[in-house]
PDB file of N, CA and C in Angstrom:
ATOM      1  N   UNK A   1       9.845 -11.567   6.416  1.00  0.00           N
ATOM      2  CA  UNK A   1       8.510 -11.627   6.878  1.00  0.00           C
ATOM      3  C   UNK A   1       7.764 -12.161   5.844  1.00  0.00           C
ATOM      4  N   UNK A   2       6.903 -12.863   5.772  1.00  0.00           N
ATOM      5  CA  UNK A   2       6.125 -12.448   4.742  1.00  0.00           C
ATOM      6  C   UNK A   2       4.965 -11.498   5.137  1.00  0.00           C
ATOM      7  N   UNK A   3       4.354 -10.664   4.379  1.00  0.00           N
ATOM      8  CA  UNK A   3       3.138 -10.012   4.429  1.00  0.00           C
ATOM      9  C   UNK A   3       2.304  -9.885   3.119  1.00  0.00           C
ATOM     10  N   UNK A   4       1.054  -9.726   3.981  1.00  0.00           N
ATOM     11  CA  UNK A   4      -0.639 -10.251   2.925  1.00  0.00           C
ATOM     12  C   UNK A   4      -0.500  -8.467   1.984  1.00  0.00           C
ATOM     13  N   UNK A   5      -0.122  -8.775   1.327  1.00  0.00           N
ATOM     14  CA  UNK A   5      -0.492  -7.314   0.428  1.00  0.00           C
ATOM     15  C   UNK A   5      -1.870  -6.665  -0.212  1.00  0.00           C
ATOM     16  N   UNK A   6      -2.489  -7.682   0.117  1.00  0.00           N
ATOM     17  CA  UNK A   6      -3.814  -6.931   0.249  1.00  0.00           C
ATOM     18  C   UNK A   6      -3.937  -6.431   1.088  1.00  0.00           C
ATOM     19  N   UNK A   7      -3.570  -6.625   2.092  1.00  0.00           N
ATOM     20  CA  UNK A   7      -3.690  -6.219   4.074  1.00  0.00           C
ATOM     21  C   UNK A   7      -3.634  -4.249   3.434  1.00  0.00           C
ATOM     22  N   UNK A   8      -2.175  -4.000   2.979  1.00  0.00           N
ATOM     23  CA  UNK A   8      -1.649  -3.540   2.616  1.00  0.00           C
ATOM     24  C   UNK A   8      -2.432  -2.930   1.839  1.00  0.00           C
ATOM     25  N   UNK A   9      -3.012  -3.143   0.758  1.00  0.00           N
ATOM     26  CA  UNK A   9      -3.510  -2.333  -0.031  1.00  0.00           C
ATOM     27  C   UNK A   9      -4.528  -1.841   0.111  1.00  0.00           C
ATOM     28  N   UNK A  10      -5.758  -2.476   0.839  1.00  0.00           N
ATOM     29  CA  UNK A  10      -6.397  -2.247   1.376  1.00  0.00           C
ATOM     30  C   UNK A  10      -6.434  -1.076   2.490  1.00  0.00           C
ATOM     31  N   UNK A  11      -5.313  -1.270   3.748  1.00  0.00           N
ATOM     32  CA  UNK A  11      -4.745  -0.145   4.389  1.00  0.00           C
ATOM     33  C   UNK A  11      -4.240   1.009   3.534  1.00  0.00           C
ATOM     34  N   UNK A  12      -3.719   1.340   2.169  1.00  0.00           N
ATOM     35  CA  UNK A  12      -3.282   2.362   1.610  1.00  0.00           C
ATOM     36  C   UNK A  12      -4.649   2.915   1.178  1.00  0.00           C
ATOM     37  N   UNK A  13      -5.613   2.039   1.128  1.00  0.00           N
ATOM     38  CA  UNK A  13      -6.626   2.481   0.210  1.00  0.00           C
ATOM     39  C   UNK A  13      -7.600   3.539   1.158  1.00  0.00           C
ATOM     40  N   UNK A  14      -7.281   3.274   2.528  1.00  0.00           N
ATOM     41  CA  UNK A  14      -8.005   3.757   3.621  1.00  0.00           C
ATOM     42  C   UNK A  14      -7.143   5.153   4.076  1.00  0.00           C
ATOM     43  N   UNK A  15      -6.612   5.610   3.547  1.00  0.00           N
ATOM     44  CA  UNK A  15      -5.749   6.926   3.936  1.00  0.00           C
ATOM     45  C   UNK A  15      -6.841   7.625   2.963  1.00  0.00           C
ATOM     46  N   UNK A  16      -6.323   9.116   3.799  1.00  0.00           N
ATOM     47  CA  UNK A  16      -6.908  10.341   3.400  1.00  0.00           C
ATOM     48  C   UNK A  16      -6.654  10.415   1.616  1.00  0.00           C
ATOM     49  N   UNK A  17      -7.508  11.404   1.468  1.00  0.00           N
ATOM     50  CA  UNK A  17      -6.651  11.324  -0.623  1.00  0.00           C
ATOM     51  C   UNK A  17      -5.927  12.602  -0.025  1.00  0.00           C
ATOM     52  N   UNK A  18      -4.776  12.457  -0.429  1.00  0.00           N
ATOM     53  CA  UNK A  18      -3.908  12.857  -0.950  1.00  0.00           C
ATOM     54  C   UNK A  18      -2.412  13.001   0.053  1.00  0.00           C
ATOM     55  N   UNK A  19      -3.107  11.478   0.885  1.00  0.00           N
ATOM     56  CA  UNK A  19      -1.902  11.833   1.744  1.00  0.00           C
ATOM     57  C   UNK A  19      -0.909  10.973   1.396  1.00  0.00           C
ATOM     58  N   UNK A  20       0.334  10.615   1.918  1.00  0.00           N
ATOM     59  CA  UNK A  20       1.199  10.827   1.350  1.00  0.00           C
ATOM     60  C   UNK A  20       2.052   9.644   2.643  1.00  0.00           C
ATOM     61  N   UNK A  21       2.725   8.689   2.578  1.00  0.00           N
ATOM     62  CA  UNK A  21       3.738   8.382   3.257  1.00  0.00           C
ATOM     63  C   UNK A  21       4.594   7.624   3.251  1.00  0.00           C
ATOM     64  N   UNK A  22       5.742   7.616   3.996  1.00  0.00           N
ATOM     65  CA  UNK A  22       6.664   6.741   3.623  1.00  0.00           C
ATOM     66  C   UNK A  22       6.206   4.879   4.024  1.00  0.00           C
ATOM     67  N   UNK A  23       6.846   4.257   3.815  1.00  0.00           N
ATOM     68  CA  UNK A  23       6.512   1.878   3.888  1.00  0.00           C
ATOM     69  C   UNK A  23       7.050   2.677   4.915  1.00  0.00           C
ATOM     70  N   UNK A  24       8.093   3.366   6.099  1.00  0.00           N
ATOM     71  CA  UNK A  24       8.667   3.148   7.315  1.00  0.00           C
ATOM     72  C   UNK A  24       7.581   3.677   8.280  1.00  0.00           C
ATOM     73  N   UNK A  25       6.574   4.926   8.038  1.00  0.00           N
ATOM     74  CA  UNK A  25       5.819   5.848   8.087  1.00  0.00           C
ATOM     75  C   UNK A  25       4.343   5.002   8.258  1.00  0.00           C
ATOM     76  N   UNK A  26       4.100   4.187   7.488  1.00  0.00           N
ATOM     77  CA  UNK A  26       3.027   3.053   7.431  1.00  0.00           C
ATOM     78  C   UNK A  26       2.684   2.162   8.049  1.00  0.00           C
ATOM     79  N   UNK A  27       4.715   1.259   8.034  1.00  0.00           N
ATOM     80  CA  UNK A  27       4.495   0.361   9.094  1.00  0.00           C
ATOM     81  C   UNK A  27       4.132   0.727   9.865  1.00  0.00           C
ATOM     82  N   UNK A  28       5.002   1.799  11.120  1.00  0.00           N
ATOM     83  CA  UNK A  28       5.029   2.036  12.262  1.00  0.00           C
ATOM     84  C   UNK A  28       3.596   2.549  12.470  1.00  0.00           C
ATOM     85  N   UNK A  29       2.908   2.644  11.824  1.00  0.00           N
ATOM     86  CA  UNK A  29       1.113   3.774  11.766  1.00  0.00           C
ATOM     87  C   UNK A  29       0.066   2.866  12.238  1.00  0.00           C
ATOM     88  N   UNK A  30       0.500   1.571  11.664  1.00  0.00           N
ATOM     89  CA  UNK A  30       0.323   0.398  11.302  1.00  0.00           C
ATOM     90  C   UNK A  30       0.048  -0.958  11.911  1.00  0.00           C
ATOM     91  N   UNK A  31       1.189  -0.715  12.737  1.00  0.00           N
ATOM     92  CA  UNK A  31       2.115  -1.783  12.800  1.00  0.00           C
ATOM     93  C   UNK A  31       2.098  -3.348  12.668  1.00  0.00           C
ATOM     94  N   UNK A  32       2.958  -2.978  11.400  1.00  0.00           N
ATOM     95  CA  UNK A  32       3.474  -3.692  10.727  1.00  0.00           C
ATOM     96  C   UNK A  32       4.677  -3.866  10.597  1.00  0.00           C
ATOM     97  N   UNK A  33       5.650  -5.094  10.246  1.00  0.00           N
ATOM     98  CA  UNK A  33       7.068  -4.652   9.842  1.00  0.00           C
ATOM     99  C   UNK A  33       7.619  -3.674   8.655  1.00  0.00           C
ATOM    100  N   UNK A  34       8.153  -2.843   9.307  1.00  0.00           N
ATOM    101  CA  UNK A  34       9.078  -1.815   7.982  1.00  0.00           C
ATOM    102  C   UNK A  34       9.294  -2.439   6.794  1.00  0.00           C
ATOM    103  N   UNK A  35      10.400  -3.701   6.614  1.00  0.00           N
ATOM    104  CA  UNK A  35      10.908  -4.347   5.408  1.00  0.00           C
ATOM    105  C   UNK A  35      10.195  -4.936   4.879  1.00  0.00           C
ATOM    106  N   UNK A  36       8.920  -5.449   5.618  1.00  0.00           N
ATOM    107  CA  UNK A  36       7.727  -6.221   4.810  1.00  0.00           C
ATOM    108  C   UNK A  36       7.304  -5.544   4.347  1.00  0.00           C
ATOM    109  N   UNK A  37       6.304  -4.273   4.494  1.00  0.00           N
ATOM    110  CA  UNK A  37       5.591  -3.191   4.091  1.00  0.00           C
ATOM    111  C   UNK A  37       6.533  -2.435   2.825  1.00  0.00           C
ATOM    112  N   UNK A  38       7.646  -2.219   3.308  1.00  0.00           N
ATOM    113  CA  UNK A  38       8.414  -1.656   1.967  1.00  0.00           C
ATOM    114  C   UNK A  38       8.802  -3.088   0.618  1.00  0.00           C
ATOM    115  N   UNK A  39       8.817  -4.310   1.014  1.00  0.00           N
ATOM    116  CA  UNK A  39       8.585  -5.301  -0.324  1.00  0.00           C
ATOM    117  C   UNK A  39       7.018  -5.475  -0.888  1.00  0.00           C
ATOM    118  N   UNK A  40       6.080  -5.349   0.103  1.00  0.00           N
ATOM    119  CA  UNK A  40       4.936  -5.163  -0.833  1.00  0.00           C
ATOM    120  C   UNK A  40       4.333  -3.893  -1.197  1.00  0.00           C
ATOM    121  N   UNK A  41       5.355  -2.808  -0.786  1.00  0.00           N
ATOM    122  CA  UNK A  41       4.664  -1.732  -1.711  1.00  0.00           C
ATOM    123  C   UNK A  41       5.195  -1.630  -3.424  1.00  0.00           C
ATOM    124  N   UNK A  42       6.463  -2.535  -2.751  1.00  0.00           N
ATOM    125  CA  UNK A  42       7.178  -2.138  -4.339  1.00  0.00           C
ATOM    126  C   UNK A  42       6.585  -3.398  -5.538  1.00  0.00           C
ATOM    127  N   UNK A  43       6.494  -4.141  -4.748  1.00  0.00           N
ATOM    128  CA  UNK A  43       5.319  -5.382  -5.534  1.00  0.00           C
ATOM    129  C   UNK A  43       3.820  -4.760  -5.983  1.00  0.00           C
ATOM    130  N   UNK A  44       3.308  -4.286  -5.319  1.00  0.00           N
ATOM    131  CA  UNK A  44       1.685  -4.023  -5.917  1.00  0.00           C
ATOM    132  C   UNK A  44       1.952  -1.779  -6.867  1.00  0.00           C
ATOM    133  N   UNK A  45       3.392  -1.963  -6.734  1.00  0.00           N
ATOM    134  CA  UNK A  45       3.651  -0.849  -7.576  1.00  0.00           C
ATOM    135  C   UNK A  45       4.124  -1.421  -8.782  1.00  0.00           C
ATOM    136  N   UNK A  46       4.429  -2.593  -8.938  1.00  0.00           N
ATOM    137  CA  UNK A  46       5.135  -3.482 -10.157  1.00  0.00           C
ATOM    138  C   UNK A  46       3.931  -3.410 -10.790  1.00  0.00           C
ATOM    139  N   UNK A  47       3.085  -4.015  -9.864  1.00  0.00           N
ATOM    140  CA  UNK A  47       1.761  -4.339 -10.801  1.00  0.00           C
ATOM    141  C   UNK A  47       0.871  -3.431 -10.901  1.00  0.00           C
ATOM    142  N   UNK A  48       0.926  -2.491 -10.790  1.00  0.00           N
ATOM    143  CA  UNK A  48       0.208  -1.338 -10.783  1.00  0.00           C
ATOM    144  C   UNK A  48      -1.041  -0.972  -9.565  1.00  0.00           C
ATOM    145  N   UNK A  49      -0.665  -1.171  -9.240  1.00  0.00           N
ATOM    146  CA  UNK A  49      -2.148  -1.688  -8.215  1.00  0.00           C
ATOM    147  C   UNK A  49      -1.716   0.318  -6.657  1.00  0.00           C
ATOM    148  N   UNK A  50      -0.895   0.486  -6.863  1.00  0.00           N
ATOM    149  CA  UNK A  50      -0.353   1.906  -6.219  1.00  0.00           C
ATOM    150  C   UNK A  50       0.426   2.487  -6.944  1.00  0.00           C
ATOM    151  N   UNK A  51       0.311   3.495  -6.445  1.00  0.00           N
ATOM    152  CA  UNK A  51       1.861   4.869  -6.698  1.00  0.00           C
ATOM    153  C   UNK A  51       2.723   5.228  -6.175  1.00  0.00           C
ATOM    154  N   UNK A  52       3.897   5.573  -6.583  1.00  0.00           N
ATOM    155  CA  UNK A  52       5.485   5.729  -5.684  1.00  0.00           C
ATOM    156  C   UNK A  52       6.182   6.807  -5.897  1.00  0.00           C
ATOM    157  N   UNK A  53       6.584   7.429  -5.536  1.00  0.00           N
ATOM    158  CA  UNK A  53       7.793   8.210  -5.938  1.00  0.00           C
ATOM    159  C   UNK A  53       8.330   7.326  -6.241  1.00  0.00           C
ATOM    160  N   UNK A  54       8.780   8.872  -7.340  1.00  0.00           N
ATOM    161  CA  UNK A  54      10.363   7.926  -7.783  1.00  0.00           C
ATOM    162  C   UNK A  54      11.746   8.173  -6.926  1.00  0.00           C
ATOM    163  N   UNK A  55      11.716   8.947  -5.954  1.00  0.00           N
ATOM    164  CA  UNK A  55      12.775   8.567  -5.336  1.00  0.00           C
ATOM    165  C   UNK A  55      12.165   8.379  -3.758  1.00  0.00           C
ATOM    166  N   UNK A  56      12.984   7.416  -3.538  1.00  0.00           N
ATOM    167  CA  UNK A  56      12.577   7.024  -1.995  1.00  0.00           C
ATOM    168  C   UNK A  56      13.370   8.633  -0.999  1.00  0.00           C
ATOM    169  N   UNK A  57      12.453   7.862  -0.253  1.00  0.00           N
ATOM    170  CA  UNK A  57      13.325   8.495   1.253  1.00  0.00           C
ATOM    171  C   UNK A  57      13.595   7.641   2.073  1.00  0.00           C
ATOM    172  N   UNK A  58      14.713   8.214   3.069  1.00  0.00           N
ATOM    173  CA  UNK A  58      15.004   7.012   3.816  1.00  0.00           C
ATOM    174  C   UNK A  58      14.786   5.948   4.572  1.00  0.00           C
ATOM    175  N   UNK A  59      12.948   6.482   4.363  1.00  0.00           N
ATOM    176  CA  UNK A  59      11.580   5.752   5.317  1.00  0.00           C
ATOM    177  C   UNK A  59      11.318   4.813   4.448  1.00  0.00           C
ATOM    178  N   UNK A  60      12.371   4.188   3.372  1.00  0.00           N
ATOM    179  CA  UNK A  60      11.662   3.575   1.807  1.00  0.00           C
ATOM    180  C   UNK A  60      11.006   4.557   1.318  1.00  0.00           C
ATOM    181  N   UNK A  61      10.053   3.155   0.175  1.00  0.00           N
ATOM    182  CA  UNK A  61       9.786   4.010  -0.745  1.00  0.00           C
ATOM    183  C   UNK A  61       8.593   5.135  -0.244  1.00  0.00           C
ATOM    184  N   UNK A  62       8.102   6.139  -1.187  1.00  0.00           N
ATOM    185  CA  UNK A  62       7.350   7.043  -0.406  1.00  0.00           C
ATOM    186  C   UNK A  62       5.904   6.719  -1.529  1.00  0.00           C
ATOM    187  N   UNK A  63       5.164   6.412  -0.860  1.00  0.00           N
ATOM    188  CA  UNK A  63       3.752   5.687  -0.685  1.00  0.00           C
ATOM    189  C   UNK A  63       2.714   7.041  -1.078  1.00  0.00           C
ATOM    190  N   UNK A  64       2.332   6.717  -2.113  1.00  0.00           N
ATOM    191  CA  UNK A  64       1.736   8.313  -3.043  1.00  0.00           C
ATOM    192  C   UNK A  64       0.223   7.775  -3.329  1.00  0.00           C
ATOM    193  N   UNK A  65      -0.013   6.809  -3.451  1.00  0.00           N
ATOM    194  CA  UNK A  65      -1.507   6.757  -3.755  1.00  0.00           C
ATOM    195  C   UNK A  65      -1.968   5.165  -4.299  1.00  0.00           C
ATOM    196  N   UNK A  66      -3.533   4.965  -4.008  1.00  0.00           N
ATOM    197  CA  UNK A  66      -3.971   3.496  -4.510  1.00  0.00           C
ATOM    198  C   UNK A  66      -4.378   4.511  -6.065  1.00  0.00           C
ATOM    199  N   UNK A  67      -4.077   3.588  -7.372  1.00  0.00           N
ATOM    200  CA  UNK A  67      -4.322   3.520  -8.852  1.00  0.00           C
ATOM    201  C   UNK A  67      -5.501   3.247  -8.691  1.00  0.00           C
ATOM    202  N   UNK A  68      -6.564   3.472  -9.719  1.00  0.00           N
ATOM    203  CA  UNK A  68      -7.800   3.438 -10.221  1.00  0.00           C
ATOM    204  C   UNK A  68      -7.863   1.409 -10.555  1.00  0.00           C
ATOM    205  N   UNK A  69      -6.379   0.848 -10.337  1.00  0.00           N
ATOM    206  CA  UNK A  69      -6.235  -0.460 -10.757  1.00  0.00           C
ATOM    207  C   UNK A  69      -6.978  -0.916  -9.184  1.00  0.00           C
ATOM    208  N   UNK A  70      -5.868  -0.310  -8.469  1.00  0.00           N
ATOM    209  CA  UNK A  70      -5.990  -0.848  -7.114  1.00  0.00           C
ATOM    210  C   UNK A  70      -6.889  -0.613  -6.583  1.00  0.00           C
ATOM    211  N   UNK A  71      -7.767   0.638  -6.807  1.00  0.00           N
ATOM    212  CA  UNK A  71      -9.242   0.562  -5.980  1.00  0.00           C
ATOM    213  C   UNK A  71     -10.281   0.069  -6.323  1.00  0.00           C
ATOM    214  N   UNK A  72     -10.259  -0.656  -7.920  1.00  0.00           N
ATOM    215  CA  UNK A  72     -11.195  -1.625  -8.305  1.00  0.00           C
ATOM    216  C   UNK A  72     -10.449  -3.520  -6.892  1.00  0.00           C
ATOM    217  N   UNK A  73      -9.591  -3.267  -6.966  1.00  0.00           N
ATOM    218  CA  UNK A  73      -9.453  -4.814  -6.673  1.00  0.00           C
ATOM    219  C   UNK A  73      -9.191  -4.384  -5.127  1.00  0.00           C
ATOM    220  N   UNK A  74      -9.621  -3.584  -4.092  1.00  0.00           N
ATOM    221  CA  UNK A  74     -10.055  -3.171  -3.258  1.00  0.00           C
ATOM    222  C   UNK A  74     -12.009  -3.477  -3.097  1.00  0.00           C
ATOM    223  N   UNK A  75     -12.237  -2.750  -4.435  1.00  0.00           N
ATOM    224  CA  UNK A  75     -13.947  -2.618  -4.290  1.00  0.00           C
ATOM    225  C   UNK A  75     -14.168  -4.257  -3.983  1.00  0.00           C
ATOM    226  N   UNK A  76     -13.730  -4.959  -5.491  1.00  0.00           N
ATOM    227  CA  UNK A  76     -14.301  -6.364  -5.714  1.00  0.00           C
ATOM    228  C   UNK A  76     -14.119  -7.338  -4.184  1.00  0.00           C
ATOM    229  N   UNK A  77     -12.455  -6.837  -4.176  1.00  0.00           N
ATOM    230  CA  UNK A  77     -12.407  -8.047  -2.423  1.00  0.00           C
ATOM    231  C   UNK A  77     -13.540  -7.837  -1.689  1.00  0.00           C
ATOM    232  N   UNK A  78     -13.836  -5.943  -1.491  1.00  0.00           N
ATOM    233  CA  UNK A  78     -14.662  -6.177  -0.294  1.00  0.00           C
ATOM    234  C   UNK A  78     -16.013  -6.508  -0.590  1.00  0.00           C
ATOM    235  N   UNK A  79     -17.066  -6.928  -2.069  1.00  0.00           N
ATOM    236  CA  UNK A  79     -17.520  -7.106  -2.326  1.00  0.00           C
ATOM    237  C   UNK A  79     -17.915  -8.868  -2.224  1.00  0.00           C
ATOM    238  N   UNK A  80     -16.390  -9.201  -2.839  1.00  0.00           N
ATOM    239  CA  UNK A  80     -16.522 -10.823  -2.489  1.00  0.00           C
ATOM    240  C   UNK A  80     -17.193 -11.212  -0.779  1.00  0.00           C
ATOM    241  N   UNK A  81     -16.174  -9.936  -0.257  1.00  0.00           N
ATOM    242  CA  UNK A  81     -16.087 -10.733   1.354  1.00  0.00           C
ATOM    243  C   UNK A  81     -17.575 -10.410   2.303  1.00  0.00           C
ATOM    244  N   UNK A  82     -18.909  -9.817   1.956  1.00  0.00           N
ATOM    245  CA  UNK A  82     -19.800  -9.228   1.677  1.00  0.00           C
ATOM    246  C   UNK A  82     -20.674 -10.503   2.003  1.00  0.00           C
ATOM    247  N   UNK A  83     -19.995 -11.105   0.250  1.00  0.00           N
ATOM    248  CA  UNK A  83     -21.423 -12.348   0.430  1.00  0.00           C
ATOM    249  C   UNK A  83     -21.231 -13.228   1.232  1.00  0.00           C
TER     250      UNK A  83
END
């Protein structure tokens, strides 16, 4: 299943600061496919947009938060949508 990695990044950026979630918890909370979210966050981490824990849990990759690069992308994308 394909998933919009930009949407995943935007939703992660909206998580309260310091909140961590496994890909499975994230997928469940936002009604997304668990395996697609795991794939998306892995891809986002590979490109430096999110931080993942070096140790995965049984719920998949553990999302630690959005990097400054990821926040900049979200901000730029939000500005483009407003115009």
